[in-house]
Amino acid sequence: MEVITMDSQVYKELMAKINTIAKFVKAIESKAEEQPDDGWVDSYEVCTFLKISSKTLQRLRSSNTISFSRIRGKNFYRISEIERLLNENIIRRSEEHLQDLIKNNKLHVEQRRNIKTNK
């Protein structure tokens, strides 16, 4: 074990910087909680809850109508992006379909958090 000594003024400055970083992280977390609808969903969830085919979703991706991220060969979409498509009537579905998607996403996130805390 290595012991490091420092001046008390340097220690106080270091602690002030750490506190600033902690406040920033808490502010980002609270902002994310204010916008819970902006999670990520995969292609299967989008197709299932919006009742569209995977080919329709592929066409939207190919024409750059919908933005997405590909992670390890799997496509993910922001819920806000799905909501934009519904608002612009690119996909014609009711608000219920979007709410079902959001509710399912929240349940999935909660289950994953519970699994992580139980480990």
PDB file of N, CA and C in Angstrom:
ATOM      1  N   MET A   1       0.840  -1.171   0.000  1.00  0.00           N
ATOM      2  CA  MET A   1       0.000   0.000   0.000  1.00  0.00           C
ATOM      3  C   MET A   1       0.887   1.238   0.000  1.00  0.00           C
ATOM      4  N   GLU A   2       0.509   2.201  -0.824  1.00  0.00           N
ATOM      5  CA  GLU A   2       1.292   3.413  -0.955  1.00  0.00           C
ATOM      6  C   GLU A   2       0.554   4.565  -0.276  1.00  0.00           C
ATOM      7  N   VAL A   3       1.265   5.307   0.536  1.00  0.00           N
ATOM      8  CA  VAL A   3       0.678   6.437   1.248  1.00  0.00           C
ATOM      9  C   VAL A   3       1.086   7.716   0.528  1.00  0.00           C
ATOM     10  N   ILE A   4       0.082   8.534   0.236  1.00  0.00           N
ATOM     11  CA  ILE A   4       0.340   9.801  -0.437  1.00  0.00           C
ATOM     12  C   ILE A   4      -0.041  10.924   0.513  1.00  0.00           C
ATOM     13  N   THR A   5       0.845  11.882   0.660  1.00  0.00           N
ATOM     14  CA  THR A   5       0.551  13.031   1.509  1.00  0.00           C
ATOM     15  C   THR A   5       0.422  14.264   0.624  1.00  0.00           C
ATOM     16  N   MET A   6      -0.451  15.175   1.047  1.00  0.00           N
ATOM     17  CA  MET A   6      -0.623  16.422   0.305  1.00  0.00           C
ATOM     18  C   MET A   6      -1.011  17.531   1.260  1.00  0.00           C
ATOM     19  N   ASP A   7      -0.824  18.718   0.805  1.00  0.00           N
ATOM     20  CA  ASP A   7      -1.147  19.912   1.575  1.00  0.00           C
ATOM     21  C   ASP A   7      -2.663  19.980   1.774  1.00  0.00           C
ATOM     22  N   SER A   8      -3.125  20.508   2.877  1.00  0.00           N
ATOM     23  CA  SER A   8      -4.562  20.560   3.154  1.00  0.00           C
ATOM     24  C   SER A   8      -5.300  21.433   2.146  1.00  0.00           C
ATOM     25  N   GLN A   9      -4.648  22.497   1.648  1.00  0.00           N
ATOM     26  CA  GLN A   9      -5.279  23.362   0.649  1.00  0.00           C
ATOM     27  C   GLN A   9      -5.501  22.594  -0.654  1.00  0.00           C
ATOM     28  N   VAL A  10      -4.537  21.796  -1.068  1.00  0.00           N
ATOM     29  CA  VAL A  10      -4.665  20.983  -2.276  1.00  0.00           C
ATOM     30  C   VAL A  10      -5.783  19.960  -2.092  1.00  0.00           C
ATOM     31  N   TYR A  11      -5.859  19.373  -0.902  1.00  0.00           N
ATOM     32  CA  TYR A  11      -6.920  18.405  -0.607  1.00  0.00           C
ATOM     33  C   TYR A  11      -8.299  19.064  -0.710  1.00  0.00           C
ATOM     34  N   LYS A  12      -8.427  20.269  -0.164  1.00  0.00           N
ATOM     35  CA  LYS A  12      -9.711  20.984  -0.219  1.00  0.00           C
ATOM     36  C   LYS A  12     -10.096  21.311  -1.663  1.00  0.00           C
ATOM     37  N   GLU A  13      -9.114  21.717  -2.477  1.00  0.00           N
ATOM     38  CA  GLU A  13      -9.395  21.997  -3.891  1.00  0.00           C
ATOM     39  C   GLU A  13      -9.832  20.730  -4.627  1.00  0.00           C
ATOM     40  N   LEU A  14      -9.163  19.634  -4.322  1.00  0.00           N
ATOM     41  CA  LEU A  14      -9.524  18.357  -4.933  1.00  0.00           C
ATOM     42  C   LEU A  14     -10.944  17.950  -4.547  1.00  0.00           C
ATOM     43  N   MET A  15     -11.290  18.100  -3.295  1.00  0.00           N
ATOM     44  CA  MET A  15     -12.632  17.759  -2.832  1.00  0.00           C
ATOM     45  C   MET A  15     -13.684  18.671  -3.472  1.00  0.00           C
ATOM     46  N   ALA A  16     -13.351  19.954  -3.659  1.00  0.00           N
ATOM     47  CA  ALA A  16     -14.271  20.885  -4.312  1.00  0.00           C
ATOM     48  C   ALA A  16     -14.535  20.449  -5.754  1.00  0.00           C
ATOM     49  N   LYS A  17     -13.495  20.010  -6.450  1.00  0.00           N
ATOM     50  CA  LYS A  17     -13.652  19.533  -7.823  1.00  0.00           C
ATOM     51  C   LYS A  17     -14.502  18.265  -7.868  1.00  0.00           C
ATOM     52  N   ILE A  18     -14.272  17.381  -6.934  1.00  0.00           N
ATOM     53  CA  ILE A  18     -15.067  16.139  -6.872  1.00  0.00           C
ATOM     54  C   ILE A  18     -16.533  16.466  -6.611  1.00  0.00           C
ATOM     55  N   ASN A  19     -16.790  17.394  -5.720  1.00  0.00           N
ATOM     56  CA  ASN A  19     -18.170  17.802  -5.432  1.00  0.00           C
ATOM     57  C   ASN A  19     -18.825  18.438  -6.652  1.00  0.00           C
ATOM     58  N   THR A  20     -18.068  19.218  -7.415  1.00  0.00           N
ATOM     59  CA  THR A  20     -18.600  19.821  -8.637  1.00  0.00           C
ATOM     60  C   THR A  20     -18.991  18.736  -9.640  1.00  0.00           C
ATOM     61  N   ILE A  21     -18.148  17.743  -9.785  1.00  0.00           N
ATOM     62  CA  ILE A  21     -18.441  16.626 -10.693  1.00  0.00           C
ATOM     63  C   ILE A  21     -19.673  15.865 -10.209  1.00  0.00           C
ATOM     64  N   ALA A  22     -19.772  15.636  -8.913  1.00  0.00           N
ATOM     65  CA  ALA A  22     -20.929  14.924  -8.361  1.00  0.00           C
ATOM     66  C   ALA A  22     -22.219  15.695  -8.611  1.00  0.00           C
ATOM     67  N   LYS A  23     -22.188  17.026  -8.452  1.00  0.00           N
ATOM     68  CA  LYS A  23     -23.375  17.844  -8.728  1.00  0.00           C
ATOM     69  C   LYS A  23     -23.767  17.762 -10.195  1.00  0.00           C
ATOM     70  N   PHE A  24     -22.774  17.770 -11.076  1.00  0.00           N
ATOM     71  CA  PHE A  24     -23.039  17.665 -12.505  1.00  0.00           C
ATOM     72  C   PHE A  24     -23.706  16.338 -12.846  1.00  0.00           C
ATOM     73  N   VAL A  25     -23.193  15.258 -12.286  1.00  0.00           N
ATOM     74  CA  VAL A  25     -23.756  13.927 -12.543  1.00  0.00           C
ATOM     75  C   VAL A  25     -25.193  13.855 -12.025  1.00  0.00           C
ATOM     76  N   LYS A  26     -25.448  14.392 -10.838  1.00  0.00           N
ATOM     77  CA  LYS A  26     -26.810  14.389 -10.294  1.00  0.00           C
ATOM     78  C   LYS A  26     -27.749  15.209 -11.159  1.00  0.00           C
ATOM     79  N   ALA A  27     -27.275  16.333 -11.691  1.00  0.00           N
ATOM     80  CA  ALA A  27     -28.105  17.165 -12.564  1.00  0.00           C
ATOM     81  C   ALA A  27     -28.458  16.421 -13.844  1.00  0.00           C
ATOM     82  N   ILE A  28     -27.501  15.703 -14.406  1.00  0.00           N
ATOM     83  CA  ILE A  28     -27.755  14.914 -15.620  1.00  0.00           C
ATOM     84  C   ILE A  28     -28.752  13.799 -15.320  1.00  0.00           C
ATOM     85  N   GLU A  29     -28.599  13.133 -14.178  1.00  0.00           N
ATOM     86  CA  GLU A  29     -29.527  12.064 -13.802  1.00  0.00           C
ATOM     87  C   GLU A  29     -30.940  12.601 -13.616  1.00  0.00           C
ATOM     88  N   SER A  30     -31.081  13.748 -12.975  1.00  0.00           N
ATOM     89  CA  SER A  30     -32.414  14.302 -12.767  1.00  0.00           C
ATOM     90  C   SER A  30     -33.032  14.728 -14.094  1.00  0.00           C
ATOM     91  N   LYS A  31     -32.217  15.236 -15.010  1.00  0.00           N
ATOM     92  CA  LYS A  31     -32.721  15.606 -16.334  1.00  0.00           C
ATOM     93  C   LYS A  31     -33.194  14.361 -17.079  1.00  0.00           C
ATOM     94  N   ALA A  32     -32.467  13.256 -16.931  1.00  0.00           N
ATOM     95  CA  ALA A  32     -32.866  12.009 -17.581  1.00  0.00           C
ATOM     96  C   ALA A  32     -34.168  11.477 -16.981  1.00  0.00           C
ATOM     97  N   GLU A  33     -34.359  11.677 -15.671  1.00  0.00           N
ATOM     98  CA  GLU A  33     -35.605  11.235 -15.037  1.00  0.00           C
ATOM     99  C   GLU A  33     -36.782  12.090 -15.467  1.00  0.00           C
ATOM    100  N   GLU A  34     -36.522  13.368 -15.805  1.00  0.00           N
ATOM    101  CA  GLU A  34     -37.588  14.238 -16.280  1.00  0.00           C
ATOM    102  C   GLU A  34     -38.045  13.826 -17.674  1.00  0.00           C
ATOM    103  N   GLN A  35     -37.173  13.188 -18.447  1.00  0.00           N
ATOM    104  CA  GLN A  35     -37.493  12.744 -19.790  1.00  0.00           C
ATOM    105  C   GLN A  35     -37.399  11.224 -19.866  1.00  0.00           C
ATOM    106  N   PRO A  36     -38.268  10.512 -19.153  1.00  0.00           N
ATOM    107  CA  PRO A  36     -38.148   9.057 -19.132  1.00  0.00           C
ATOM    108  C   PRO A  36     -38.534   8.411 -20.455  1.00  0.00           C
ATOM    109  N   ASP A  37     -39.225   9.165 -21.318  1.00  0.00           N
ATOM    110  CA  ASP A  37     -39.681   8.596 -22.574  1.00  0.00           C
ATOM    111  C   ASP A  37     -38.568   8.503 -23.611  1.00  0.00           C
ATOM    112  N   ASP A  38     -37.393   8.983 -23.296  1.00  0.00           N
ATOM    113  CA  ASP A  38     -36.329   8.986 -24.275  1.00  0.00           C
ATOM    114  C   ASP A  38     -35.362   7.836 -24.068  1.00  0.00           C
ATOM    115  N   GLY A  39     -35.914   6.656 -23.896  1.00  0.00           N
ATOM    116  CA  GLY A  39     -35.090   5.467 -23.774  1.00  0.00           C
ATOM    117  C   GLY A  39     -34.815   4.870 -25.138  1.00  0.00           C
ATOM    118  N   TRP A  40     -34.172   3.732 -25.134  1.00  0.00           N
ATOM    119  CA  TRP A  40     -33.848   3.024 -26.370  1.00  0.00           C
ATOM    120  C   TRP A  40     -34.655   1.739 -26.443  1.00  0.00           C
ATOM    121  N   VAL A  41     -35.162   1.417 -27.610  1.00  0.00           N
ATOM    122  CA  VAL A  41     -35.890   0.168 -27.841  1.00  0.00           C
ATOM    123  C   VAL A  41     -35.310  -0.507 -29.067  1.00  0.00           C
ATOM    124  N   ASP A  42     -35.446  -1.824 -29.114  1.00  0.00           N
ATOM    125  CA  ASP A  42     -34.902  -2.549 -30.260  1.00  0.00           C
ATOM    126  C   ASP A  42     -35.964  -2.731 -31.349  1.00  0.00           C
ATOM    127  N   SER A  43     -35.549  -3.285 -32.457  1.00  0.00           N
ATOM    128  CA  SER A  43     -36.438  -3.454 -33.608  1.00  0.00           C
ATOM    129  C   SER A  43     -37.650  -4.313 -33.274  1.00  0.00           C
ATOM    130  N   TYR A  44     -37.418  -5.367 -32.509  1.00  0.00           N
ATOM    131  CA  TYR A  44     -38.522  -6.264 -32.157  1.00  0.00           C
ATOM    132  C   TYR A  44     -39.614  -5.512 -31.404  1.00  0.00           C
ATOM    133  N   GLU A  45     -39.220  -4.702 -30.427  1.00  0.00           N
ATOM    134  CA  GLU A  45     -40.205  -3.951 -29.649  1.00  0.00           C
ATOM    135  C   GLU A  45     -40.945  -2.946 -30.520  1.00  0.00           C
ATOM    136  N   VAL A  46     -40.233  -2.265 -31.399  1.00  0.00           N
ATOM    137  CA  VAL A  46     -40.873  -1.288 -32.277  1.00  0.00           C
ATOM    138  C   VAL A  46     -41.907  -1.984 -33.159  1.00  0.00           C
ATOM    139  N   CYS A  47     -41.514  -3.086 -33.774  1.00  0.00           N
ATOM    140  CA  CYS A  47     -42.435  -3.815 -34.659  1.00  0.00           C
ATOM    141  C   CYS A  47     -43.629  -4.369 -33.893  1.00  0.00           C
ATOM    142  N   THR A  48     -43.386  -4.907 -32.721  1.00  0.00           N
ATOM    143  CA  THR A  48     -44.456  -5.521 -31.933  1.00  0.00           C
ATOM    144  C   THR A  48     -45.478  -4.501 -31.466  1.00  0.00           C
ATOM    145  N   PHE A  49     -45.012  -3.419 -30.868  1.00  0.00           N
ATOM    146  CA  PHE A  49     -45.946  -2.477 -30.251  1.00  0.00           C
ATOM    147  C   PHE A  49     -46.563  -1.499 -31.240  1.00  0.00           C
ATOM    148  N   LEU A  50     -45.876  -1.223 -32.350  1.00  0.00           N
ATOM    149  CA  LEU A  50     -46.470  -0.348 -33.358  1.00  0.00           C
ATOM    150  C   LEU A  50     -47.189  -1.138 -34.451  1.00  0.00           C
ATOM    151  N   LYS A  51     -47.079  -2.452 -34.358  1.00  0.00           N
ATOM    152  CA  LYS A  51     -47.736  -3.347 -35.312  1.00  0.00           C
ATOM    153  C   LYS A  51     -47.342  -3.015 -36.749  1.00  0.00           C
ATOM    154  N   ILE A  52     -46.015  -2.950 -36.954  1.00  0.00           N
ATOM    155  CA  ILE A  52     -45.486  -2.783 -38.300  1.00  0.00           C
ATOM    156  C   ILE A  52     -44.559  -3.963 -38.578  1.00  0.00           C
ATOM    157  N   SER A  53     -44.308  -4.229 -39.832  1.00  0.00           N
ATOM    158  CA  SER A  53     -43.432  -5.345 -40.180  1.00  0.00           C
ATOM    159  C   SER A  53     -41.970  -4.915 -40.080  1.00  0.00           C
ATOM    160  N   SER A  54     -41.103  -5.905 -40.004  1.00  0.00           N
ATOM    161  CA  SER A  54     -39.671  -5.608 -39.957  1.00  0.00           C
ATOM    162  C   SER A  54     -39.223  -5.001 -41.289  1.00  0.00           C
ATOM    163  N   LYS A  55     -39.901  -5.367 -42.380  1.00  0.00           N
ATOM    164  CA  LYS A  55     -39.582  -4.799 -43.690  1.00  0.00           C
ATOM    165  C   LYS A  55     -39.919  -3.305 -43.731  1.00  0.00           C
ATOM    166  N   THR A  56     -41.038  -2.906 -43.116  1.00  0.00           N
ATOM    167  CA  THR A  56     -41.393  -1.489 -43.040  1.00  0.00           C
ATOM    168  C   THR A  56     -40.329  -0.721 -42.272  1.00  0.00           C
ATOM    169  N   LEU A  57     -39.891  -1.285 -41.174  1.00  0.00           N
ATOM    170  CA  LEU A  57     -38.851  -0.644 -40.380  1.00  0.00           C
ATOM    171  C   LEU A  57     -37.554  -0.563 -41.180  1.00  0.00           C
ATOM    172  N   GLN A  58     -37.246  -1.609 -41.955  1.00  0.00           N
ATOM    173  CA  GLN A  58     -36.063  -1.609 -42.811  1.00  0.00           C
ATOM    174  C   GLN A  58     -36.149  -0.502 -43.851  1.00  0.00           C
ATOM    175  N   ARG A  59     -37.331  -0.316 -44.435  1.00  0.00           N
ATOM    176  CA  ARG A  59     -37.511   0.752 -45.430  1.00  0.00           C
ATOM    177  C   ARG A  59     -37.284   2.127 -44.810  1.00  0.00           C
ATOM    178  N   LEU A  60     -37.775   2.304 -43.587  1.00  0.00           N
ATOM    179  CA  LEU A  60     -37.570   3.582 -42.889  1.00  0.00           C
ATOM    180  C   LEU A  60     -36.088   3.836 -42.626  1.00  0.00           C
ATOM    181  N   ARG A  61     -35.355   2.795 -42.282  1.00  0.00           N
ATOM    182  CA  ARG A  61     -33.910   2.931 -42.060  1.00  0.00           C
ATOM    183  C   ARG A  61     -33.194   3.229 -43.373  1.00  0.00           C
ATOM    184  N   SER A  62     -33.549   2.500 -44.426  1.00  0.00           N
ATOM    185  CA  SER A  62     -32.881   2.662 -45.725  1.00  0.00           C
ATOM    186  C   SER A  62     -33.085   4.046 -46.313  1.00  0.00           C
ATOM    187  N   SER A  63     -34.267   4.608 -46.099  1.00  0.00           N
ATOM    188  CA  SER A  63     -34.552   5.941 -46.639  1.00  0.00           C
ATOM    189  C   SER A  63     -34.117   7.058 -45.688  1.00  0.00           C
ATOM    190  N   ASN A  64     -33.440   6.691 -44.606  1.00  0.00           N
ATOM    191  CA  ASN A  64     -32.976   7.648 -43.582  1.00  0.00           C
ATOM    192  C   ASN A  64     -34.128   8.450 -42.982  1.00  0.00           C
ATOM    193  N   THR A  65     -35.296   7.851 -42.927  1.00  0.00           N
ATOM    194  CA  THR A  65     -36.445   8.495 -42.306  1.00  0.00           C
ATOM    195  C   THR A  65     -36.371   8.393 -40.795  1.00  0.00           C
ATOM    196  N   ILE A  66     -35.754   7.317 -40.322  1.00  0.00           N
ATOM    197  CA  ILE A  66     -35.626   7.096 -38.880  1.00  0.00           C
ATOM    198  C   ILE A  66     -34.147   6.946 -38.539  1.00  0.00           C
ATOM    199  N   SER A  67     -33.738   7.595 -37.473  1.00  0.00           N
ATOM    200  CA  SER A  67     -32.353   7.429 -37.031  1.00  0.00           C
ATOM    201  C   SER A  67     -32.289   6.258 -36.057  1.00  0.00           C
ATOM    202  N   PHE A  68     -31.171   5.576 -36.087  1.00  0.00           N
ATOM    203  CA  PHE A  68     -31.007   4.392 -35.246  1.00  0.00           C
ATOM    204  C   PHE A  68     -29.544   4.203 -34.928  1.00  0.00           C
ATOM    205  N   SER A  69     -29.274   3.339 -33.980  1.00  0.00           N
ATOM    206  CA  SER A  69     -27.907   2.956 -33.638  1.00  0.00           C
ATOM    207  C   SER A  69     -27.813   1.449 -33.732  1.00  0.00           C
ATOM    208  N   ARG A  70     -26.712   0.982 -34.264  1.00  0.00           N
ATOM    209  CA  ARG A  70     -26.506  -0.466 -34.385  1.00  0.00           C
ATOM    210  C   ARG A  70     -25.418  -0.872 -33.404  1.00  0.00           C
ATOM    211  N   ILE A  71     -25.770  -1.783 -32.524  1.00  0.00           N
ATOM    212  CA  ILE A  71     -24.822  -2.292 -31.540  1.00  0.00           C
ATOM    213  C   ILE A  71     -24.781  -3.806 -31.681  1.00  0.00           C
ATOM    214  N   ARG A  72     -23.608  -4.314 -32.024  1.00  0.00           N
ATOM    215  CA  ARG A  72     -23.407  -5.750 -32.225  1.00  0.00           C
ATOM    216  C   ARG A  72     -24.449  -6.350 -33.166  1.00  0.00           C
ATOM    217  N   GLY A  73     -24.738  -5.647 -34.231  1.00  0.00           N
ATOM    218  CA  GLY A  73     -25.658  -6.152 -35.245  1.00  0.00           C
ATOM    219  C   GLY A  73     -27.128  -5.991 -34.911  1.00  0.00           C
ATOM    220  N   LYS A  74     -27.434  -5.368 -33.796  1.00  0.00           N
ATOM    221  CA  LYS A  74     -28.822  -5.172 -33.388  1.00  0.00           C
ATOM    222  C   LYS A  74     -29.146  -3.686 -33.457  1.00  0.00           C
ATOM    223  N   ASN A  75     -30.300  -3.347 -34.041  1.00  0.00           N
ATOM    224  CA  ASN A  75     -30.688  -1.950 -34.210  1.00  0.00           C
ATOM    225  C   ASN A  75     -31.507  -1.459 -33.021  1.00  0.00           C
ATOM    226  N   PHE A  76     -31.187  -0.248 -32.578  1.00  0.00           N
ATOM    227  CA  PHE A  76     -31.899   0.381 -31.473  1.00  0.00           C
ATOM    228  C   PHE A  76     -32.380   1.758 -31.908  1.00  0.00           C
ATOM    229  N   TYR A  77     -33.547   2.163 -31.378  1.00  0.00           N
ATOM    230  CA  TYR A  77     -34.181   3.420 -31.747  1.00  0.00           C
ATOM    231  C   TYR A  77     -34.542   4.174 -30.478  1.00  0.00           C
ATOM    232  N   ARG A  78     -34.427   5.484 -30.520  1.00  0.00           N
ATOM    233  CA  ARG A  78     -34.874   6.311 -29.398  1.00  0.00           C
ATOM    234  C   ARG A  78     -36.396   6.398 -29.444  1.00  0.00           C
ATOM    235  N   ILE A  79     -37.016   6.384 -28.285  1.00  0.00           N
ATOM    236  CA  ILE A  79     -38.468   6.504 -28.219  1.00  0.00           C
ATOM    237  C   ILE A  79     -38.907   7.858 -28.758  1.00  0.00           C
ATOM    238  N   SER A  80     -38.110   8.884 -28.532  1.00  0.00           N
ATOM    239  CA  SER A  80     -38.451  10.203 -29.070  1.00  0.00           C
ATOM    240  C   SER A  80     -38.474  10.193 -30.596  1.00  0.00           C
ATOM    241  N   GLU A  81     -37.635   9.370 -31.210  1.00  0.00           N
ATOM    242  CA  GLU A  81     -37.620   9.247 -32.669  1.00  0.00           C
ATOM    243  C   GLU A  81     -38.884   8.543 -33.166  1.00  0.00           C
ATOM    244  N   ILE A  82     -39.325   7.522 -32.442  1.00  0.00           N
ATOM    245  CA  ILE A  82     -40.566   6.831 -32.790  1.00  0.00           C
ATOM    246  C   ILE A  82     -41.742   7.799 -32.644  1.00  0.00           C
ATOM    247  N   GLU A  83     -41.705   8.591 -31.587  1.00  0.00           N
ATOM    248  CA  GLU A  83     -42.765   9.571 -31.359  1.00  0.00           C
ATOM    249  C   GLU A  83     -42.804  10.608 -32.483  1.00  0.00           C
ATOM    250  N   ARG A  84     -41.637  11.016 -32.960  1.00  0.00           N
ATOM    251  CA  ARG A  84     -41.573  11.963 -34.073  1.00  0.00           C
ATOM    252  C   ARG A  84     -42.231  11.384 -35.326  1.00  0.00           C
ATOM    253  N   LEU A  85     -41.963  10.107 -35.599  1.00  0.00           N
ATOM    254  CA  LEU A  85     -42.576   9.465 -36.768  1.00  0.00           C
ATOM    255  C   LEU A  85     -44.093   9.419 -36.644  1.00  0.00           C
ATOM    256  N   LEU A  86     -44.574   9.174 -35.441  1.00  0.00           N
ATOM    257  CA  LEU A  86     -46.024   9.146 -35.230  1.00  0.00           C
ATOM    258  C   LEU A  86     -46.617  10.541 -35.381  1.00  0.00           C
ATOM    259  N   ASN A  87     -45.940  11.545 -34.860  1.00  0.00           N
ATOM    260  CA  ASN A  87     -46.447  12.921 -34.953  1.00  0.00           C
ATOM    261  C   ASN A  87     -46.457  13.427 -36.390  1.00  0.00           C
ATOM    262  N   GLU A  88     -45.491  13.000 -37.182  1.00  0.00           N
ATOM    263  CA  GLU A  88     -45.428  13.416 -38.586  1.00  0.00           C
ATOM    264  C   GLU A  88     -46.264  12.513 -39.496  1.00  0.00           C
ATOM    265  N   ASN A  89     -46.984  11.581 -38.911  1.00  0.00           N
ATOM    266  CA  ASN A  89     -47.831  10.627 -39.635  1.00  0.00           C
ATOM    267  C   ASN A  89     -47.065   9.785 -40.649  1.00  0.00           C
ATOM    268  N   ILE A  90     -45.796   9.565 -40.395  1.00  0.00           N
ATOM    269  CA  ILE A  90     -45.033   8.637 -41.227  1.00  0.00           C
ATOM    270  C   ILE A  90     -45.466   7.218 -40.896  1.00  0.00           C
ATOM    271  N   ILE A  91     -45.695   6.980 -39.613  1.00  0.00           N
ATOM    272  CA  ILE A  91     -46.305   5.728 -39.157  1.00  0.00           C
ATOM    273  C   ILE A  91     -47.660   6.122 -38.596  1.00  0.00           C
ATOM    274  N   ARG A  92     -48.692   5.496 -39.082  1.00  0.00           N
ATOM    275  CA  ARG A  92     -50.048   5.864 -38.641  1.00  0.00           C
ATOM    276  C   ARG A  92     -50.527   4.858 -37.593  1.00  0.00           C
ATOM    277  N   ARG A  93     -50.310   5.220 -36.367  1.00  0.00           N
ATOM    278  CA  ARG A  93     -50.763   4.428 -35.226  1.00  0.00           C
ATOM    279  C   ARG A  93     -51.290   5.384 -34.180  1.00  0.00           C
ATOM    280  N   SER A  94     -52.069   4.831 -33.265  1.00  0.00           N
ATOM    281  CA  SER A  94     -52.645   5.673 -32.226  1.00  0.00           C
ATOM    282  C   SER A  94     -51.612   5.933 -31.127  1.00  0.00           C
ATOM    283  N   GLU A  95     -51.946   6.865 -30.285  1.00  0.00           N
ATOM    284  CA  GLU A  95     -51.090   7.202 -29.140  1.00  0.00           C
ATOM    285  C   GLU A  95     -50.980   6.011 -28.191  1.00  0.00           C
ATOM    286  N   GLU A  96     -51.997   5.157 -28.170  1.00  0.00           N
ATOM    287  CA  GLU A  96     -51.977   3.963 -27.311  1.00  0.00           C
ATOM    288  C   GLU A  96     -50.796   3.075 -27.628  1.00  0.00           C
ATOM    289  N   HIS A  97     -50.500   2.910 -28.908  1.00  0.00           N
ATOM    290  CA  HIS A  97     -49.388   2.050 -29.298  1.00  0.00           C
ATOM    291  C   HIS A  97     -48.068   2.590 -28.744  1.00  0.00           C
ATOM    292  N   LEU A  98     -47.888   3.894 -28.834  1.00  0.00           N
ATOM    293  CA  LEU A  98     -46.675   4.506 -28.302  1.00  0.00           C
ATOM    294  C   LEU A  98     -46.621   4.353 -26.785  1.00  0.00           C
ATOM    295  N   GLN A  99     -47.738   4.567 -26.115  1.00  0.00           N
ATOM    296  CA  GLN A  99     -47.765   4.432 -24.653  1.00  0.00           C
ATOM    297  C   GLN A  99     -47.463   3.003 -24.224  1.00  0.00           C
ATOM    298  N   ASP A 100     -47.950   2.016 -24.984  1.00  0.00           N
ATOM    299  CA  ASP A 100     -47.622   0.620 -24.691  1.00  0.00           C
ATOM    300  C   ASP A 100     -46.125   0.377 -24.820  1.00  0.00           C
ATOM    301  N   LEU A 101     -45.529   0.955 -25.855  1.00  0.00           N
ATOM    302  CA  LEU A 101     -44.096   0.809 -26.066  1.00  0.00           C
ATOM    303  C   LEU A 101     -43.322   1.438 -24.908  1.00  0.00           C
ATOM    304  N   ILE A 102     -43.723   2.628 -24.498  1.00  0.00           N
ATOM    305  CA  ILE A 102     -43.049   3.319 -23.391  1.00  0.00           C
ATOM    306  C   ILE A 102     -43.201   2.536 -22.092  1.00  0.00           C
ATOM    307  N   LYS A 103     -44.415   2.048 -21.837  1.00  0.00           N
ATOM    308  CA  LYS A 103     -44.663   1.293 -20.606  1.00  0.00           C
ATOM    309  C   LYS A 103     -43.822   0.021 -20.579  1.00  0.00           C
ATOM    310  N   ASN A 104     -43.766  -0.682 -21.695  1.00  0.00           N
ATOM    311  CA  ASN A 104     -42.969  -1.903 -21.765  1.00  0.00           C
ATOM    312  C   ASN A 104     -41.488  -1.587 -21.560  1.00  0.00           C
ATOM    313  N   ASN A 105     -41.025  -0.486 -22.143  1.00  0.00           N
ATOM    314  CA  ASN A 105     -39.627  -0.097 -21.983  1.00  0.00           C
ATOM    315  C   ASN A 105     -39.315   0.204 -20.514  1.00  0.00           C
ATOM    316  N   LYS A 106     -40.210   0.911 -19.835  1.00  0.00           N
ATOM    317  CA  LYS A 106     -39.995   1.228 -18.410  1.00  0.00           C
ATOM    318  C   LYS A 106     -39.941  -0.043 -17.567  1.00  0.00           C
ATOM    319  N   LEU A 107     -40.831  -0.993 -17.856  1.00  0.00           N
ATOM    320  CA  LEU A 107     -40.814  -2.259 -17.124  1.00  0.00           C
ATOM    321  C   LEU A 107     -39.500  -2.999 -17.339  1.00  0.00           C
ATOM    322  N   HIS A 108     -39.050  -3.007 -18.572  1.00  0.00           N
ATOM    323  CA  HIS A 108     -37.804  -3.682 -18.906  1.00  0.00           C
ATOM    324  C   HIS A 108     -36.618  -3.039 -18.176  1.00  0.00           C
ATOM    325  N   VAL A 109     -36.577  -1.710 -18.152  1.00  0.00           N
ATOM    326  CA  VAL A 109     -35.496  -0.993 -17.462  1.00  0.00           C
ATOM    327  C   VAL A 109     -35.535  -1.292 -15.965  1.00  0.00           C
ATOM    328  N   GLU A 110     -36.726  -1.274 -15.370  1.00  0.00           N
ATOM    329  CA  GLU A 110     -36.860  -1.574 -13.939  1.00  0.00           C
ATOM    330  C   GLU A 110     -36.392  -2.994 -13.621  1.00  0.00           C
ATOM    331  N   GLN A 111     -36.743  -3.953 -14.471  1.00  0.00           N
ATOM    332  CA  GLN A 111     -36.311  -5.335 -14.249  1.00  0.00           C
ATOM    333  C   GLN A 111     -34.795  -5.434 -14.295  1.00  0.00           C
ATOM    334  N   ARG A 112     -34.175  -4.747 -15.247  1.00  0.00           N
ATOM    335  CA  ARG A 112     -32.715  -4.788 -15.347  1.00  0.00           C
ATOM    336  C   ARG A 112     -32.069  -4.139 -14.132  1.00  0.00           C
ATOM    337  N   ARG A 113     -32.662  -3.033 -13.629  1.00  0.00           N
ATOM    338  CA  ARG A 113     -32.095  -2.385 -12.436  1.00  0.00           C
ATOM    339  C   ARG A 113     -32.216  -3.298 -11.224  1.00  0.00           C
ATOM    340  N   ASN A 114     -33.339  -3.990 -11.091  1.00  0.00           N
ATOM    341  CA  ASN A 114     -33.529  -4.895  -9.972  1.00  0.00           C
ATOM    342  C   ASN A 114     -32.539  -6.046 -10.034  1.00  0.00           C
ATOM    343  N   ILE A 115     -32.250  -6.541 -11.218  1.00  0.00           N
ATOM    344  CA  ILE A 115     -31.290  -7.626 -11.363  1.00  0.00           C
ATOM    345  C   ILE A 115     -29.907  -7.145 -10.952  1.00  0.00           C
ATOM    346  N   LYS A 116     -29.539  -5.927 -11.379  1.00  0.00           N
ATOM    347  CA  LYS A 116     -28.213  -5.392 -11.045  1.00  0.00           C
ATOM    348  C   LYS A 116     -28.065  -5.159  -9.541  1.00  0.00           C
ATOM    349  N   THR A 117     -29.132  -4.680  -8.878  1.00  0.00           N
ATOM    350  CA  THR A 117     -29.031  -4.414  -7.443  1.00  0.00           C
ATOM    351  C   THR A 117     -29.023  -5.696  -6.625  1.00  0.00           C
ATOM    352  N   ASN A 118     -29.601  -6.767  -7.158  1.00  0.00           N
ATOM    353  CA  ASN A 118     -29.630  -8.036  -6.429  1.00  0.00           C
ATOM    354  C   ASN A 118     -28.304  -8.786  -6.523  1.00  0.00           C
ATOM    355  N   LYS A 119     -27.445  -8.406  -7.461  1.00  0.00           N
ATOM    356  CA  LYS A 119     -26.167  -9.110  -7.608  1.00  0.00           C
ATOM    357  C   LYS A 119     -25.163  -8.680  -6.592  1.00  0.00           C
TER     358      LYS A 119
END
